[in-house]
Amino acid sequence: MSGKAGGERGLRLGRCDLAECEGACCYDGAYLEPGEEEAILAAIARDPALFSSLDGPPVVDGTWRGIVAGRKTGVRPHRYRSPEFPAHFEQTRCVLALPDARCALQVHAVARGMHPFALKPRACWMHPLHDGPSGPVPPPADPAADPHRVDADYPGYVTFTECGRHRDGGLPWREALAEELKYARILAKRAATAAWRRARAEGDEG
């Protein structure tokens, strides 16, 4: 990694390329936020043919290293071809990934004329961003600062994925992740509008 890449200002990333990464970011599935499980199950019920390749329950109870626990998407065994696949990642893949690594939820959303991210768990469509107190935060340029680092056996997650690691020849991170940042702004605006309407309704009732 170039020494010029310190901090987010110098961070350069590549856009998602499933042919290159094989969807490695999906290796452990995704932990879900409220309402996301119901949205997933509703999508499967609407298009059983698309989800016919499901190999196991779509949503399960999960726990990870005693740090995270809750409902998450299920996984199935999968052998990754790339010699660059991180050794500390399990050889598994989210059951909602199609054989070509595309997300079935995204395919379903597009087919119904929805935003491609509309049905995906937040943890999925935001990758490699994560939520911060002032909005989406990019991955660090330095893998040693990976926010998912646990110990020497699990040195990190986001900086070990193809779209989350710094590339000297990549795009400025805001450009590479323009679609994700735009969708985050759309959802933030919706949430703010909903909160304003609730406050106004409560005021009218009072």
Protein backbone atom coordinates (compact mmCIF):
# COMPACT_ATOMS: atom_id res chain seq x y z
CA MET A 1 0.00 0.00 0.00
CA SER A 2 1.31 3.42 -0.87
CA GLY A 3 2.31 5.68 1.99
CA LYS A 4 0.28 8.45 0.31
CA ALA A 5 -2.94 6.71 1.23
CA GLY A 6 -3.12 7.70 4.88
CA GLY A 7 -6.65 8.56 5.97
CA GLU A 8 -9.81 8.78 3.95
CA ARG A 9 -8.60 11.78 1.92
CA GLY A 10 -6.14 9.58 0.02
CA LEU A 11 -8.33 6.49 -0.01
CA ARG A 12 -8.89 5.03 -3.47
CA LEU A 13 -11.16 2.07 -4.13
CA GLY A 14 -12.34 -0.14 -6.98
CA ARG A 15 -15.98 -0.61 -7.88
CA CYS A 16 -17.66 -3.94 -7.18
CA ASP A 17 -16.60 -6.60 -9.69
CA LEU A 18 -18.19 -9.96 -8.90
CA ALA A 19 -16.07 -11.72 -11.51
CA GLU A 20 -13.00 -10.69 -9.53
CA CYS A 21 -14.17 -10.98 -5.94
CA GLU A 22 -16.77 -13.79 -6.22
CA GLY A 23 -18.89 -11.95 -3.67
CA ALA A 24 -16.41 -12.60 -0.86
CA CYS A 25 -18.06 -9.88 1.23
CA CYS A 26 -21.09 -12.21 1.46
CA TYR A 27 -19.14 -15.11 2.95
CA ASP A 28 -20.83 -14.91 6.38
CA GLY A 29 -24.20 -13.50 5.32
CA ALA A 30 -25.46 -10.35 7.04
CA TYR A 31 -26.88 -9.49 10.44
CA LEU A 32 -30.28 -7.88 10.05
CA GLU A 33 -31.89 -4.71 11.29
CA PRO A 34 -35.56 -4.54 12.35
CA GLY A 35 -37.92 -5.16 9.46
CA GLU A 36 -35.32 -6.66 7.15
CA GLU A 37 -36.20 -10.29 7.88
CA GLU A 38 -39.84 -9.63 7.00
CA ALA A 39 -38.81 -7.92 3.75
CA ILE A 40 -36.62 -10.88 2.78
CA LEU A 41 -39.33 -13.45 3.45
CA ALA A 42 -41.88 -11.36 1.53
CA ALA A 43 -39.55 -11.20 -1.49
CA ILE A 44 -39.07 -14.97 -1.46
CA ALA A 45 -42.84 -15.50 -1.31
CA ARG A 46 -43.35 -13.18 -4.30
CA ASP A 47 -40.79 -14.87 -6.54
CA PRO A 48 -40.23 -18.51 -5.51
CA ALA A 49 -38.65 -19.36 -8.89
CA LEU A 50 -35.84 -16.83 -8.45
CA PHE A 51 -35.11 -18.09 -4.96
CA SER A 52 -35.41 -21.78 -5.87
CA SER A 53 -31.65 -22.24 -5.47
CA LEU A 54 -31.86 -21.50 -1.75
CA ASP A 55 -29.86 -24.17 0.08
CA GLY A 56 -31.00 -23.81 3.66
CA PRO A 57 -33.14 -21.36 5.62
CA PRO A 58 -32.84 -17.74 4.41
CA VAL A 59 -32.71 -16.30 7.94
CA VAL A 60 -31.25 -17.92 11.06
CA ASP A 61 -30.13 -17.08 14.57
CA GLY A 62 -26.45 -16.26 14.54
CA THR A 63 -23.56 -15.38 16.80
CA TRP A 64 -20.03 -14.31 15.92
CA ARG A 65 -17.10 -14.60 18.32
CA GLY A 66 -19.27 -13.49 21.21
CA ILE A 67 -19.31 -9.97 19.72
CA VAL A 68 -22.43 -9.98 17.56
CA ALA A 69 -25.63 -12.00 17.93
CA GLY A 70 -29.04 -11.86 16.31
CA ARG A 71 -30.98 -12.76 13.22
CA LYS A 72 -28.90 -13.02 10.07
CA THR A 73 -29.04 -14.45 6.60
CA GLY A 74 -28.08 -18.11 6.38
CA VAL A 75 -24.96 -19.42 4.67
CA ARG A 76 -24.02 -22.54 2.77
CA PRO A 77 -20.65 -24.15 2.00
CA HIS A 78 -18.90 -22.56 -0.97
CA ARG A 79 -15.40 -23.01 -2.33
CA TYR A 80 -13.87 -19.74 -3.54
CA ARG A 81 -11.54 -20.05 -6.52
CA SER A 82 -9.34 -17.00 -6.00
CA PRO A 83 -5.97 -17.57 -4.34
CA GLU A 84 -6.44 -14.05 -2.88
CA PHE A 85 -9.46 -15.14 -0.82
CA PRO A 86 -8.60 -14.19 2.79
CA ALA A 87 -7.46 -17.23 4.75
CA HIS A 88 -9.38 -16.11 7.85
CA PHE A 89 -12.71 -15.97 5.97
CA GLU A 90 -14.83 -19.13 6.08
CA GLN A 91 -15.46 -21.00 2.83
CA THR A 92 -19.18 -20.19 2.94
CA ARG A 93 -21.56 -17.88 1.08
CA CYS A 94 -24.90 -16.23 1.87
CA VAL A 95 -27.77 -18.46 0.75
CA LEU A 96 -29.34 -15.44 -0.99
CA ALA A 97 -26.43 -15.24 -3.43
CA LEU A 98 -27.13 -16.67 -6.88
CA PRO A 99 -24.62 -19.06 -8.49
CA ASP A 100 -22.94 -16.13 -10.27
CA ALA A 101 -22.59 -14.29 -6.92
CA ARG A 102 -25.30 -11.72 -7.69
CA CYS A 103 -27.68 -10.98 -4.84
CA ALA A 104 -31.12 -12.50 -5.45
CA LEU A 105 -32.71 -9.69 -3.45
CA GLN A 106 -31.16 -7.10 -5.75
CA VAL A 107 -32.19 -9.00 -8.87
CA HIS A 108 -35.74 -9.26 -7.53
CA ALA A 109 -35.89 -5.55 -6.70
CA VAL A 110 -34.72 -4.50 -10.17
CA ALA A 111 -37.22 -6.86 -11.82
CA ARG A 112 -40.01 -5.12 -9.88
CA GLY A 113 -38.85 -1.64 -10.85
CA MET A 114 -37.49 -0.85 -7.39
CA HIS A 115 -34.17 0.68 -6.42
CA PRO A 116 -31.50 -2.07 -6.64
CA PHE A 117 -30.75 -1.70 -2.91
CA ALA A 118 -34.39 -1.51 -1.75
CA LEU A 119 -34.62 -5.08 -0.41
CA LYS A 120 -31.01 -5.69 0.59
CA PRO A 121 -30.01 -5.57 4.26
CA ARG A 122 -28.37 -2.27 5.15
CA ALA A 123 -25.15 -4.06 6.05
CA CYS A 124 -25.01 -5.40 2.48
CA TRP A 125 -25.77 -2.40 0.30
CA MET A 126 -23.57 -0.09 2.40
CA HIS A 127 -20.47 -2.26 2.07
CA PRO A 128 -17.67 -1.21 2.29
CA LEU A 129 -19.11 1.80 4.13
CA HIS A 130 -20.39 1.63 7.69
CA ASP A 131 -22.60 3.94 9.72
CA GLY A 132 -20.92 6.68 11.72
CA PRO A 133 -22.32 9.41 13.96
CA SER A 134 -22.34 11.89 11.07
CA GLY A 135 -23.16 9.54 8.22
CA PRO A 136 -21.47 6.81 6.16
CA VAL A 137 -17.80 6.18 6.95
CA PRO A 138 -15.38 4.68 4.39
CA PRO A 139 -12.97 1.87 5.18
CA PRO A 140 -9.51 2.87 6.39
CA ALA A 141 -6.67 2.95 3.89
CA ASP A 142 -4.48 1.06 6.36
CA PRO A 143 -5.58 -2.57 6.99
CA ALA A 144 -4.13 -2.34 10.49
CA ALA A 145 -6.97 0.09 11.30
CA ASP A 146 -9.69 -2.24 10.03
CA PRO A 147 -12.74 -1.62 12.29
CA HIS A 148 -13.54 -5.33 12.27
CA ARG A 149 -10.13 -6.46 13.48
CA VAL A 150 -10.42 -8.79 16.47
CA ASP A 151 -6.98 -10.34 16.90
CA ALA A 152 -4.16 -11.96 14.92
CA ASP A 153 -6.50 -14.79 13.91
CA TYR A 154 -9.09 -12.35 12.55
CA PRO A 155 -7.14 -9.27 11.39
CA GLY A 156 -10.15 -7.60 9.77
CA TYR A 157 -12.97 -7.78 7.28
CA VAL A 158 -13.70 -4.70 5.20
CA THR A 159 -10.11 -4.02 4.10
CA PHE A 160 -9.77 -7.67 3.09
CA THR A 161 -12.58 -7.43 0.53
CA GLU A 162 -11.82 -6.32 -3.02
CA CYS A 163 -14.05 -3.24 -2.91
CA GLY A 164 -12.91 -2.26 0.58
CA ARG A 165 -9.14 -2.32 0.22
CA HIS A 166 -7.11 0.69 -0.86
CA ARG A 167 -5.83 0.59 -4.45
CA ASP A 168 -3.25 3.10 -5.64
CA GLY A 169 -4.83 2.96 -9.11
CA GLY A 170 -8.43 3.08 -7.89
CA LEU A 171 -10.98 5.87 -7.85
CA PRO A 172 -11.38 8.43 -5.05
CA TRP A 173 -13.61 6.65 -2.57
CA ARG A 174 -16.52 9.08 -2.90
CA GLU A 175 -16.56 8.45 -6.64
CA ALA A 176 -16.23 4.67 -6.32
CA LEU A 177 -19.08 4.56 -3.79
CA ALA A 178 -21.25 7.30 -5.30
CA GLU A 179 -24.29 5.02 -5.65
CA GLU A 180 -24.13 3.86 -2.03
CA LEU A 181 -23.66 7.41 -0.74
CA LYS A 182 -26.59 8.67 -2.81
CA TYR A 183 -28.87 5.92 -1.50
CA ALA A 184 -27.79 6.66 2.07
CA ARG A 185 -28.81 10.29 1.55
CA ILE A 186 -32.19 9.19 0.15
CA LEU A 187 -32.90 7.03 3.20
CA ALA A 188 -31.71 9.74 5.60
CA LYS A 189 -34.07 12.24 3.95
CA ARG A 190 -36.95 9.78 4.17
CA ALA A 191 -36.24 9.16 7.85
CA ALA A 192 -36.07 12.89 8.58
CA THR A 193 -39.35 13.50 6.74
CA ALA A 194 -41.05 10.65 8.62
CA ALA A 195 -39.80 12.01 11.95
CA TRP A 196 -41.07 15.51 11.10
CA ARG A 197 -44.49 14.14 10.18
CA ARG A 198 -44.68 12.15 13.43
CA ALA A 199 -43.73 15.20 15.47
CA ARG A 200 -46.30 17.31 13.64
CA ALA A 201 -49.01 14.70 14.16
CA GLU A 202 -48.20 14.46 17.86
CA GLY A 203 -48.32 18.23 18.10
CA ASP A 204 -51.72 18.34 16.42
CA GLU A 205 -53.01 15.70 18.83
CA GLY A 206 -51.74 17.68 21.79
